[in-house]
């Protein structure tokens, strides 16, 4: 009995520590988000800087900001092509973090046609956990838009597909969505769309055309190590920053 009591106490302590750390990490993101809404609250910001430029000055790995209304998704997006998963377990300030920061695929580039962004599916509902709600058509209907802004432009994207996918080992065949960061050629664009359409959980009626800028969001499902949940959208509005 004593043994099980000790195990239970340790488990409670570990759970409490994880919860506290999760709240602290989310609070740090909330402060960054508040600084975007009220730039004057960000101490030391150059009056001539935009809020995104101020974040870039704080951390040169900052690439953009992603948000979906009425969800917990409201985060910076990082880009470290020489160290692709640098922010997998790091916070915006570089400190250790269980939730990490959403980040671009190392293979993304301006003109490639597809921003592929990874984020954790945290049990506390933070990061990209809300993406899994797109498995339901009614959730898509209520949340059809993704906002992804960069230093160059503000972009609004319309969700047109959501699906479950796998990460394949070498030698396996299947729809490796994560290999389609360069869809600048029409054949590659159409090949990606065809496979997205075939995997989609429901028909949104939204159609993408060659030349559209796409966004692909990816997160784990926590059901199996190699399963992912993916949401894809097309840009419908952009404005130079």
C-alpha atoms as a PDB file:
ATOM      1  CA  UNK A   1       0.000   0.000   0.000  1.00  0.00           C
ATOM      2  CA  UNK A   2       2.838   2.351   0.856  1.00  0.00           C
ATOM      3  CA  UNK A   3       4.410   1.702  -2.566  1.00  0.00           C
ATOM      4  CA  UNK A   4       1.231   2.567  -4.457  1.00  0.00           C
ATOM      5  CA  UNK A   5       0.769   5.634  -2.285  1.00  0.00           C
ATOM      6  CA  UNK A   6       4.241   6.865  -3.182  1.00  0.00           C
ATOM      7  CA  UNK A   7       3.637   6.198  -6.889  1.00  0.00           C
ATOM      8  CA  UNK A   8       0.326   8.072  -6.724  1.00  0.00           C
ATOM      9  CA  UNK A   9       1.943  11.033  -4.981  1.00  0.00           C
ATOM     10  CA  UNK A  10       4.746  11.193  -7.540  1.00  0.00           C
ATOM     11  CA  UNK A  11       2.230  11.006 -10.391  1.00  0.00           C
ATOM     12  CA  UNK A  12       0.235  13.894  -8.904  1.00  0.00           C
ATOM     13  CA  UNK A  13       3.397  15.941  -8.504  1.00  0.00           C
ATOM     14  CA  UNK A  14       4.437  15.315 -12.123  1.00  0.00           C
ATOM     15  CA  UNK A  15       0.964  16.174 -13.404  1.00  0.00           C
ATOM     16  CA  UNK A  16       0.879  19.381 -11.371  1.00  0.00           C
ATOM     17  CA  UNK A  17       4.310  20.381 -12.669  1.00  0.00           C
ATOM     18  CA  UNK A  18       3.244  19.763 -16.265  1.00  0.00           C
ATOM     19  CA  UNK A  19       0.070  21.812 -15.775  1.00  0.00           C
ATOM     20  CA  UNK A  20       1.954  24.688 -14.182  1.00  0.00           C
ATOM     21  CA  UNK A  21       4.583  24.648 -16.926  1.00  0.00           C
ATOM     22  CA  UNK A  22       1.869  24.584 -19.573  1.00  0.00           C
ATOM     23  CA  UNK A  23       0.160  27.631 -18.047  1.00  0.00           C
ATOM     24  CA  UNK A  24       3.463  29.487 -17.853  1.00  0.00           C
ATOM     25  CA  UNK A  25       4.266  28.740 -21.481  1.00  0.00           C
ATOM     26  CA  UNK A  26       0.812  29.838 -22.641  1.00  0.00           C
ATOM     27  CA  UNK A  27       1.105  33.025 -20.587  1.00  0.00           C
ATOM     28  CA  UNK A  28       4.318  33.863 -22.456  1.00  0.00           C
ATOM     29  CA  UNK A  29       2.499  33.494 -25.795  1.00  0.00           C
ATOM     30  CA  UNK A  30      -0.382  35.605 -24.469  1.00  0.00           C
ATOM     31  CA  UNK A  31       2.084  38.395 -23.727  1.00  0.00           C
ATOM     32  CA  UNK A  32       3.435  38.231 -27.278  1.00  0.00           C
ATOM     33  CA  UNK A  33      -0.097  38.333 -28.664  1.00  0.00           C
ATOM     34  CA  UNK A  34      -0.983  41.304 -26.437  1.00  0.00           C
ATOM     35  CA  UNK A  35       2.087  43.132 -27.724  1.00  0.00           C
ATOM     36  CA  UNK A  36       0.728  42.770 -31.268  1.00  0.00           C
ATOM     37  CA  UNK A  37      -2.578  44.310 -30.232  1.00  0.00           C
ATOM     38  CA  UNK A  38      -0.957  47.047 -28.130  1.00  0.00           C
ATOM     39  CA  UNK A  39       2.585  47.640 -29.418  1.00  0.00           C
ATOM     40  CA  UNK A  40       3.205  50.285 -26.773  1.00  0.00           C
ATOM     41  CA  UNK A  41       3.104  47.509 -24.160  1.00  0.00           C
ATOM     42  CA  UNK A  42       6.223  45.922 -25.658  1.00  0.00           C
ATOM     43  CA  UNK A  43       9.038  47.633 -23.824  1.00  0.00           C
ATOM     44  CA  UNK A  44      11.932  48.856 -25.917  1.00  0.00           C
ATOM     45  CA  UNK A  45      10.114  48.721 -29.260  1.00  0.00           C
ATOM     46  CA  UNK A  46      11.319  51.239 -31.818  1.00  0.00           C
ATOM     47  CA  UNK A  47       8.398  53.583 -32.583  1.00  0.00           C
ATOM     48  CA  UNK A  48       9.117  53.113 -36.297  1.00  0.00           C
ATOM     49  CA  UNK A  49       8.811  49.332 -36.119  1.00  0.00           C
ATOM     50  CA  UNK A  50       5.710  47.316 -36.880  1.00  0.00           C
ATOM     51  CA  UNK A  51       4.743  44.756 -34.194  1.00  0.00           C
ATOM     52  CA  UNK A  52       6.061  41.940 -36.400  1.00  0.00           C
ATOM     53  CA  UNK A  53       9.327  43.758 -36.970  1.00  0.00           C
ATOM     54  CA  UNK A  54       9.621  44.126 -33.207  1.00  0.00           C
ATOM     55  CA  UNK A  55       9.218  40.354 -32.797  1.00  0.00           C
ATOM     56  CA  UNK A  56      11.815  39.803 -35.520  1.00  0.00           C
ATOM     57  CA  UNK A  57      14.165  42.087 -33.604  1.00  0.00           C
ATOM     58  CA  UNK A  58      13.606  40.010 -30.460  1.00  0.00           C
ATOM     59  CA  UNK A  59      14.231  36.752 -32.306  1.00  0.00           C
ATOM     60  CA  UNK A  60      15.530  36.625 -35.909  1.00  0.00           C
ATOM     61  CA  UNK A  61      13.942  33.170 -36.336  1.00  0.00           C
ATOM     62  CA  UNK A  62      10.467  34.743 -36.265  1.00  0.00           C
ATOM     63  CA  UNK A  63       8.733  34.314 -39.632  1.00  0.00           C
ATOM     64  CA  UNK A  64       5.069  35.142 -39.093  1.00  0.00           C
ATOM     65  CA  UNK A  65       1.967  34.828 -36.953  1.00  0.00           C
ATOM     66  CA  UNK A  66      -0.873  32.316 -37.290  1.00  0.00           C
ATOM     67  CA  UNK A  67      -4.337  32.583 -35.781  1.00  0.00           C
ATOM     68  CA  UNK A  68      -7.810  31.094 -36.124  1.00  0.00           C
ATOM     69  CA  UNK A  69     -10.692  32.990 -34.545  1.00  0.00           C
ATOM     70  CA  UNK A  70     -12.476  31.414 -31.561  1.00  0.00           C
ATOM     71  CA  UNK A  71      -9.710  28.831 -31.076  1.00  0.00           C
ATOM     72  CA  UNK A  72      -6.532  28.672 -29.004  1.00  0.00           C
ATOM     73  CA  UNK A  73      -4.437  28.981 -32.167  1.00  0.00           C
ATOM     74  CA  UNK A  74      -2.765  32.389 -31.899  1.00  0.00           C
ATOM     75  CA  UNK A  75       0.998  31.931 -32.129  1.00  0.00           C
ATOM     76  CA  UNK A  76       4.233  33.065 -33.743  1.00  0.00           C
ATOM     77  CA  UNK A  77       5.664  30.844 -36.467  1.00  0.00           C
ATOM     78  CA  UNK A  78       9.400  30.224 -36.554  1.00  0.00           C
ATOM     79  CA  UNK A  79      11.720  29.278 -39.430  1.00  0.00           C
ATOM     80  CA  UNK A  80      15.122  27.627 -38.972  1.00  0.00           C
ATOM     81  CA  UNK A  81      15.958  25.835 -42.244  1.00  0.00           C
ATOM     82  CA  UNK A  82      19.421  24.790 -41.017  1.00  0.00           C
ATOM     83  CA  UNK A  83      17.921  23.187 -37.894  1.00  0.00           C
ATOM     84  CA  UNK A  84      14.391  22.171 -38.925  1.00  0.00           C
ATOM     85  CA  UNK A  85      13.017  21.136 -35.507  1.00  0.00           C
ATOM     86  CA  UNK A  86      14.832  23.746 -33.445  1.00  0.00           C
ATOM     87  CA  UNK A  87      11.568  24.953 -31.880  1.00  0.00           C
ATOM     88  CA  UNK A  88      10.072  21.515 -31.314  1.00  0.00           C
ATOM     89  CA  UNK A  89      10.815  21.859 -27.586  1.00  0.00           C
ATOM     90  CA  UNK A  90      11.949  25.479 -27.336  1.00  0.00           C
ATOM     91  CA  UNK A  91      10.032  28.628 -26.452  1.00  0.00           C
ATOM     92  CA  UNK A  92      10.118  31.854 -28.455  1.00  0.00           C
ATOM     93  CA  UNK A  93      12.966  33.107 -26.242  1.00  0.00           C
ATOM     94  CA  UNK A  94      14.967  29.897 -26.786  1.00  0.00           C
ATOM     95  CA  UNK A  95      14.348  28.417 -23.349  1.00  0.00           C
ATOM     96  CA  UNK A  96      13.237  24.823 -22.821  1.00  0.00           C
ATOM     97  CA  UNK A  97       9.528  24.281 -23.531  1.00  0.00           C
ATOM     98  CA  UNK A  98       7.301  21.219 -23.652  1.00  0.00           C
ATOM     99  CA  UNK A  99       4.912  22.834 -26.135  1.00  0.00           C
ATOM    100  CA  UNK A 100       7.532  24.418 -28.400  1.00  0.00           C
ATOM    101  CA  UNK A 101       6.525  26.964 -31.042  1.00  0.00           C
ATOM    102  CA  UNK A 102       4.855  26.295 -34.425  1.00  0.00           C
ATOM    103  CA  UNK A 103       7.455  26.238 -37.168  1.00  0.00           C
ATOM    104  CA  UNK A 104       7.741  26.165 -40.940  1.00  0.00           C
ATOM    105  CA  UNK A 105       9.073  23.159 -42.779  1.00  0.00           C
ATOM    106  CA  UNK A 106      12.725  23.687 -43.624  1.00  0.00           C
ATOM    107  CA  UNK A 107      11.863  23.133 -47.301  1.00  0.00           C
ATOM    108  CA  UNK A 108       9.471  26.085 -47.544  1.00  0.00           C
ATOM    109  CA  UNK A 109      10.432  29.131 -49.563  1.00  0.00           C
ATOM    110  CA  UNK A 110       8.780  32.218 -51.011  1.00  0.00           C
ATOM    111  CA  UNK A 111       7.322  31.217 -54.352  1.00  0.00           C
ATOM    112  CA  UNK A 112       7.043  27.538 -53.462  1.00  0.00           C
ATOM    113  CA  UNK A 113       3.268  27.852 -53.217  1.00  0.00           C
ATOM    114  CA  UNK A 114       2.716  26.026 -49.930  1.00  0.00           C
ATOM    115  CA  UNK A 115       3.483  27.154 -46.376  1.00  0.00           C
ATOM    116  CA  UNK A 116       3.754  23.913 -44.373  1.00  0.00           C
ATOM    117  CA  UNK A 117       3.548  24.604 -40.636  1.00  0.00           C
ATOM    118  CA  UNK A 118       3.978  22.100 -37.815  1.00  0.00           C
ATOM    119  CA  UNK A 119       2.688  22.458 -34.269  1.00  0.00           C
ATOM    120  CA  UNK A 120       2.163  20.197 -31.253  1.00  0.00           C
ATOM    121  CA  UNK A 121      -1.200  18.791 -30.208  1.00  0.00           C
ATOM    122  CA  UNK A 122      -1.022  19.545 -26.488  1.00  0.00           C
ATOM    123  CA  UNK A 123      -3.332  17.801 -24.026  1.00  0.00           C
ATOM    124  CA  UNK A 124      -4.186  21.146 -22.404  1.00  0.00           C
ATOM    125  CA  UNK A 125      -5.700  22.297 -25.710  1.00  0.00           C
ATOM    126  CA  UNK A 126      -2.898  24.683 -26.625  1.00  0.00           C
ATOM    127  CA  UNK A 127      -0.787  24.930 -29.772  1.00  0.00           C
ATOM    128  CA  UNK A 128      -2.409  23.063 -32.715  1.00  0.00           C
ATOM    129  CA  UNK A 129      -4.751  20.880 -30.628  1.00  0.00           C
ATOM    130  CA  UNK A 130      -7.814  22.709 -31.993  1.00  0.00           C
ATOM    131  CA  UNK A 131      -6.930  21.616 -35.532  1.00  0.00           C
ATOM    132  CA  UNK A 132      -8.389  18.183 -34.808  1.00  0.00           C
ATOM    133  CA  UNK A 133     -11.815  19.798 -34.489  1.00  0.00           C
ATOM    134  CA  UNK A 134     -11.720  20.195 -38.280  1.00  0.00           C
ATOM    135  CA  UNK A 135     -12.514  16.496 -38.437  1.00  0.00           C
ATOM    136  CA  UNK A 136     -16.076  17.722 -37.932  1.00  0.00           C
ATOM    137  CA  UNK A 137     -17.726  19.507 -40.839  1.00  0.00           C
ATOM    138  CA  UNK A 138     -19.724  21.760 -38.530  1.00  0.00           C
ATOM    139  CA  UNK A 139     -16.497  23.051 -36.983  1.00  0.00           C
ATOM    140  CA  UNK A 140     -15.131  23.909 -40.426  1.00  0.00           C
ATOM    141  CA  UNK A 141     -18.364  25.721 -41.252  1.00  0.00           C
ATOM    142  CA  UNK A 142     -17.953  27.845 -38.107  1.00  0.00           C
ATOM    143  CA  UNK A 143     -14.181  28.386 -38.571  1.00  0.00           C
ATOM    144  CA  UNK A 144     -13.506  28.537 -42.325  1.00  0.00           C
ATOM    145  CA  UNK A 145     -10.617  31.006 -42.214  1.00  0.00           C
ATOM    146  CA  UNK A 146      -6.962  30.916 -41.162  1.00  0.00           C
ATOM    147  CA  UNK A 147      -4.955  34.105 -40.725  1.00  0.00           C
ATOM    148  CA  UNK A 148      -1.246  33.804 -41.490  1.00  0.00           C
ATOM    149  CA  UNK A 149       0.700  37.042 -41.551  1.00  0.00           C
ATOM    150  CA  UNK A 150       4.371  37.478 -42.359  1.00  0.00           C
ATOM    151  CA  UNK A 151       6.657  40.499 -42.368  1.00  0.00           C
ATOM    152  CA  UNK A 152       5.883  40.873 -46.080  1.00  0.00           C
ATOM    153  CA  UNK A 153       2.111  40.488 -46.090  1.00  0.00           C
ATOM    154  CA  UNK A 154      -1.066  39.814 -44.171  1.00  0.00           C
ATOM    155  CA  UNK A 155      -2.793  36.718 -45.524  1.00  0.00           C
ATOM    156  CA  UNK A 156      -6.256  35.216 -45.093  1.00  0.00           C
ATOM    157  CA  UNK A 157      -6.703  31.576 -46.098  1.00  0.00           C
ATOM    158  CA  UNK A 158      -9.901  29.626 -46.719  1.00  0.00           C
ATOM    159  CA  UNK A 159      -9.868  26.027 -45.460  1.00  0.00           C
ATOM    160  CA  UNK A 160     -10.774  23.564 -48.193  1.00  0.00           C
ATOM    161  CA  UNK A 161      -9.711  20.186 -46.770  1.00  0.00           C
ATOM    162  CA  UNK A 162      -8.959  18.321 -43.556  1.00  0.00           C
ATOM    163  CA  UNK A 163      -7.693  14.762 -43.338  1.00  0.00           C
ATOM    164  CA  UNK A 164      -5.759  12.149 -41.402  1.00  0.00           C
ATOM    165  CA  UNK A 165      -2.359  11.174 -42.773  1.00  0.00           C
ATOM    166  CA  UNK A 166       0.747   9.173 -41.975  1.00  0.00           C
ATOM    167  CA  UNK A 167       4.458   9.795 -41.804  1.00  0.00           C
ATOM    168  CA  UNK A 168       5.995   7.088 -43.975  1.00  0.00           C
ATOM    169  CA  UNK A 169       9.252   5.277 -43.427  1.00  0.00           C
ATOM    170  CA  UNK A 170      11.748   4.924 -46.251  1.00  0.00           C
ATOM    171  CA  UNK A 171      10.514   2.462 -48.841  1.00  0.00           C
ATOM    172  CA  UNK A 172       6.821   2.865 -47.965  1.00  0.00           C
ATOM    173  CA  UNK A 173       4.418   4.384 -50.438  1.00  0.00           C
ATOM    174  CA  UNK A 174       1.507   6.698 -49.756  1.00  0.00           C
ATOM    175  CA  UNK A 175       0.468  10.340 -49.732  1.00  0.00           C
ATOM    176  CA  UNK A 176       3.463  12.054 -48.115  1.00  0.00           C
ATOM    177  CA  UNK A 177       1.842  15.488 -47.829  1.00  0.00           C
ATOM    178  CA  UNK A 178       4.972  16.859 -46.142  1.00  0.00           C
ATOM    179  CA  UNK A 179       6.965  16.473 -49.359  1.00  0.00           C
ATOM    180  CA  UNK A 180       4.817  19.053 -51.214  1.00  0.00           C
ATOM    181  CA  UNK A 181       6.422  22.313 -50.140  1.00  0.00           C
ATOM    182  CA  UNK A 182       7.351  23.178 -53.726  1.00  0.00           C
ATOM    183  CA  UNK A 183       4.194  23.149 -55.827  1.00  0.00           C
ATOM    184  CA  UNK A 184       5.265  26.004 -58.065  1.00  0.00           C
ATOM    185  CA  UNK A 185       4.949  23.763 -61.119  1.00  0.00           C
ATOM    186  CA  UNK A 186       1.405  23.057 -62.275  1.00  0.00           C
ATOM    187  CA  UNK A 187       1.885  19.272 -62.370  1.00  0.00           C
ATOM    188  CA  UNK A 188       3.043  19.239 -58.736  1.00  0.00           C
ATOM    189  CA  UNK A 189       0.244  21.577 -57.671  1.00  0.00           C
ATOM    190  CA  UNK A 190      -2.400  19.403 -59.309  1.00  0.00           C
ATOM    191  CA  UNK A 191      -0.865  16.212 -57.920  1.00  0.00           C
ATOM    192  CA  UNK A 192      -1.013  17.653 -54.415  1.00  0.00           C
ATOM    193  CA  UNK A 193      -4.617  18.835 -54.824  1.00  0.00           C
ATOM    194  CA  UNK A 194      -5.723  15.475 -56.175  1.00  0.00           C
ATOM    195  CA  UNK A 195      -4.280  13.632 -53.186  1.00  0.00           C
ATOM    196  CA  UNK A 196      -5.648  16.173 -50.712  1.00  0.00           C
ATOM    197  CA  UNK A 197      -9.084  15.804 -52.285  1.00  0.00           C
ATOM    198  CA  UNK A 198      -8.861  12.025 -52.111  1.00  0.00           C
ATOM    199  CA  UNK A 199      -7.925  12.110 -48.422  1.00  0.00           C
ATOM    200  CA  UNK A 200     -10.397  14.837 -47.358  1.00  0.00           C
ATOM    201  CA  UNK A 201     -12.919  13.852 -44.694  1.00  0.00           C
ATOM    202  CA  UNK A 202     -15.719  15.898 -46.306  1.00  0.00           C
ATOM    203  CA  UNK A 203     -16.380  18.077 -49.330  1.00  0.00           C
ATOM    204  CA  UNK A 204     -16.131  21.793 -48.541  1.00  0.00           C
ATOM    205  CA  UNK A 205     -17.012  22.886 -52.054  1.00  0.00           C
ATOM    206  CA  UNK A 206     -13.998  25.209 -51.977  1.00  0.00           C
ATOM    207  CA  UNK A 207     -11.720  24.858 -54.990  1.00  0.00           C
ATOM    208  CA  UNK A 208      -8.081  25.906 -55.286  1.00  0.00           C
ATOM    209  CA  UNK A 209      -6.575  26.875 -58.614  1.00  0.00           C
ATOM    210  CA  UNK A 210      -3.007  26.694 -59.851  1.00  0.00           C
ATOM    211  CA  UNK A 211      -1.298  29.886 -58.782  1.00  0.00           C
ATOM    212  CA  UNK A 212      -3.077  30.057 -55.423  1.00  0.00           C
ATOM    213  CA  UNK A 213      -0.836  30.269 -52.374  1.00  0.00           C
ATOM    214  CA  UNK A 214      -1.659  27.346 -50.064  1.00  0.00           C
ATOM    215  CA  UNK A 215      -1.154  26.755 -46.362  1.00  0.00           C
ATOM    216  CA  UNK A 216      -0.875  23.295 -44.816  1.00  0.00           C
ATOM    217  CA  UNK A 217      -1.088  22.862 -41.030  1.00  0.00           C
ATOM    218  CA  UNK A 218       0.054  19.601 -39.457  1.00  0.00           C
ATOM    219  CA  UNK A 219      -0.170  18.173 -35.950  1.00  0.00           C
ATOM    220  CA  UNK A 220      -0.031  14.806 -34.178  1.00  0.00           C
ATOM    221  CA  UNK A 221      -3.226  12.964 -33.282  1.00  0.00           C
ATOM    222  CA  UNK A 222      -1.829  11.166 -30.207  1.00  0.00           C
ATOM    223  CA  UNK A 223      -3.486   7.975 -31.460  1.00  0.00           C
ATOM    224  CA  UNK A 224      -0.322   6.530 -32.986  1.00  0.00           C
ATOM    225  CA  UNK A 225       3.231   7.735 -33.390  1.00  0.00           C
ATOM    226  CA  UNK A 226       3.082   8.069 -37.170  1.00  0.00           C
ATOM    227  CA  UNK A 227      -0.433   9.535 -37.554  1.00  0.00           C
ATOM    228  CA  UNK A 228      -0.992  13.210 -38.299  1.00  0.00           C
ATOM    229  CA  UNK A 229      -3.978  15.497 -38.774  1.00  0.00           C
ATOM    230  CA  UNK A 230      -3.713  17.997 -41.612  1.00  0.00           C
ATOM    231  CA  UNK A 231      -5.686  21.111 -42.575  1.00  0.00           C
ATOM    232  CA  UNK A 232      -5.184  22.804 -45.945  1.00  0.00           C
ATOM    233  CA  UNK A 233      -6.311  26.250 -47.068  1.00  0.00           C
ATOM    234  CA  UNK A 234      -5.922  28.621 -50.023  1.00  0.00           C
ATOM    235  CA  UNK A 235      -5.141  32.297 -49.803  1.00  0.00           C
ATOM    236  CA  UNK A 236      -8.130  34.464 -50.639  1.00  0.00           C
ATOM    237  CA  UNK A 237      -6.855  37.831 -49.491  1.00  0.00           C
ATOM    238  CA  UNK A 238      -3.467  39.398 -48.960  1.00  0.00           C
ATOM    239  CA  UNK A 239      -2.225  42.822 -48.112  1.00  0.00           C
ATOM    240  CA  UNK A 240       1.359  44.042 -48.112  1.00  0.00           C
ATOM    241  CA  UNK A 241       2.577  44.744 -44.593  1.00  0.00           C
END
